[in-house]
Structure formats: C-alpha cells, structure tokens
Amino acid sequence: MNFPESAHEYADDETDLQNVVAIRDSKDLEGPVLFLVEHEWRALIHRIKSGCYDPD
C-alpha cells in the first residue's frame, strides 16, 4: 500500500478530509485511491492482523 503525502491533495474547497486515510496500490501510483475514515481504517487493520485475508 502506498500512502500519499497528504489526503488533502485530492480535496476541493468543499471537501473535509480530516481523519481520513488514503491508500493505493504501491505498484500503480496513478491508480485509484481508497479513502477510509478512522473507524474503517482501524477495522481493516484489525481484520488484516487477525488473518482474515491470509491465503488458505
């Protein structure tokens, strides 16, 4: 995963991106960005650490 310098670089004047995590595939720097609010980010990290996405 690649973390952009700032999620604010994608914001316009009407967008509040405080407490947002922006992630993308590090192999596709021009690819889409996934924006997660804090509770979504924490839930994703929890699922990753608990092995939910481990290959069988």
C-alpha atoms as a PDB file:
ATOM      1  CA  MET A   1       0.000   0.000   0.000  1.00  0.00           C
ATOM      2  CA  ASN A   2       1.182   3.479  -0.743  1.00  0.00           C
ATOM      3  CA  PHE A   3       0.261   6.435   1.407  1.00  0.00           C
ATOM      4  CA  PRO A   4       0.157   9.775  -0.416  1.00  0.00           C
ATOM      5  CA  GLU A   5       1.870  12.711   1.252  1.00  0.00           C
ATOM      6  CA  SER A   6      -1.485  14.182   2.133  1.00  0.00           C
ATOM      7  CA  ALA A   7      -5.077  13.216   1.509  1.00  0.00           C
ATOM      8  CA  HIS A   8      -5.720  16.933   1.156  1.00  0.00           C
ATOM      9  CA  GLU A   9      -4.046  16.981  -2.257  1.00  0.00           C
ATOM     10  CA  TYR A  10      -7.220  15.299  -3.571  1.00  0.00           C
ATOM     11  CA  ALA A  11      -9.622  17.693  -1.894  1.00  0.00           C
ATOM     12  CA  ASP A  12     -11.559  20.550  -3.356  1.00  0.00           C
ATOM     13  CA  ASP A  13     -12.784  23.556  -1.376  1.00  0.00           C
ATOM     14  CA  GLU A  14     -15.932  21.746  -0.222  1.00  0.00           C
ATOM     15  CA  THR A  15     -14.293  18.530   0.999  1.00  0.00           C
ATOM     16  CA  ASP A  16     -13.195  17.972   4.591  1.00  0.00           C
ATOM     17  CA  LEU A  17     -10.661  15.136   4.688  1.00  0.00           C
ATOM     18  CA  GLN A  18      -9.620  15.365   8.309  1.00  0.00           C
ATOM     19  CA  ASN A  19      -9.259  11.948   9.909  1.00  0.00           C
ATOM     20  CA  VAL A  20      -9.166  10.206   6.522  1.00  0.00           C
ATOM     21  CA  VAL A  21      -6.587   7.632   5.447  1.00  0.00           C
ATOM     22  CA  ALA A  22      -5.869   7.498   1.716  1.00  0.00           C
ATOM     23  CA  ILE A  23      -4.340   4.272   0.376  1.00  0.00           C
ATOM     24  CA  ARG A  24      -3.478   2.855  -3.033  1.00  0.00           C
ATOM     25  CA  ASP A  25      -1.543   0.018  -4.624  1.00  0.00           C
ATOM     26  CA  SER A  26       2.160   0.910  -4.473  1.00  0.00           C
ATOM     27  CA  LYS A  27       2.669  -0.772  -7.857  1.00  0.00           C
ATOM     28  CA  ASP A  28       0.120   1.551  -9.509  1.00  0.00           C
ATOM     29  CA  LEU A  29       0.929   5.085  -8.362  1.00  0.00           C
ATOM     30  CA  GLU A  30      -1.512   6.572 -10.864  1.00  0.00           C
ATOM     31  CA  GLY A  31      -4.262   4.160  -9.855  1.00  0.00           C
ATOM     32  CA  PRO A  32      -7.358   4.824  -7.794  1.00  0.00           C
ATOM     33  CA  VAL A  33      -7.153   5.959  -4.187  1.00  0.00           C
ATOM     34  CA  LEU A  34      -9.252   4.373  -1.471  1.00  0.00           C
ATOM     35  CA  PHE A  35     -10.303   6.802   1.261  1.00  0.00           C
ATOM     36  CA  LEU A  36     -11.183   5.348   4.675  1.00  0.00           C
ATOM     37  CA  VAL A  37     -12.430   7.167   7.742  1.00  0.00           C
ATOM     38  CA  GLU A  38     -10.750   6.302  11.027  1.00  0.00           C
ATOM     39  CA  HIS A  39     -13.120   3.533  12.163  1.00  0.00           C
ATOM     40  CA  GLU A  40     -12.945   1.857   8.724  1.00  0.00           C
ATOM     41  CA  TRP A  41      -9.135   2.008   8.773  1.00  0.00           C
ATOM     42  CA  ARG A  42      -8.978   0.511  12.269  1.00  0.00           C
ATOM     43  CA  ALA A  43     -11.410  -2.267  11.274  1.00  0.00           C
ATOM     44  CA  LEU A  44      -9.327  -3.094   8.184  1.00  0.00           C
ATOM     45  CA  ILE A  45      -6.115  -3.249  10.217  1.00  0.00           C
ATOM     46  CA  HIS A  46      -7.844  -5.482  12.785  1.00  0.00           C
ATOM     47  CA  ARG A  47      -9.034  -7.880  10.050  1.00  0.00           C
ATOM     48  CA  ILE A  48      -5.569  -7.985   8.472  1.00  0.00           C
ATOM     49  CA  LYS A  49      -3.872  -8.702  11.811  1.00  0.00           C
ATOM     50  CA  SER A  50      -6.427 -11.377  12.703  1.00  0.00           C
ATOM     51  CA  GLY A  51      -5.686 -13.245   9.465  1.00  0.00           C
ATOM     52  CA  CYS A  52      -8.974 -12.672   7.647  1.00  0.00           C
ATOM     53  CA  TYR A  53      -7.156 -12.092   4.368  1.00  0.00           C
ATOM     54  CA  ASP A  54      -4.462 -14.761   4.731  1.00  0.00           C
ATOM     55  CA  PRO A  55      -4.330 -17.228   1.836  1.00  0.00           C
ATOM     56  CA  ASP A  56      -5.643 -20.678   2.682  1.00  0.00           C
END
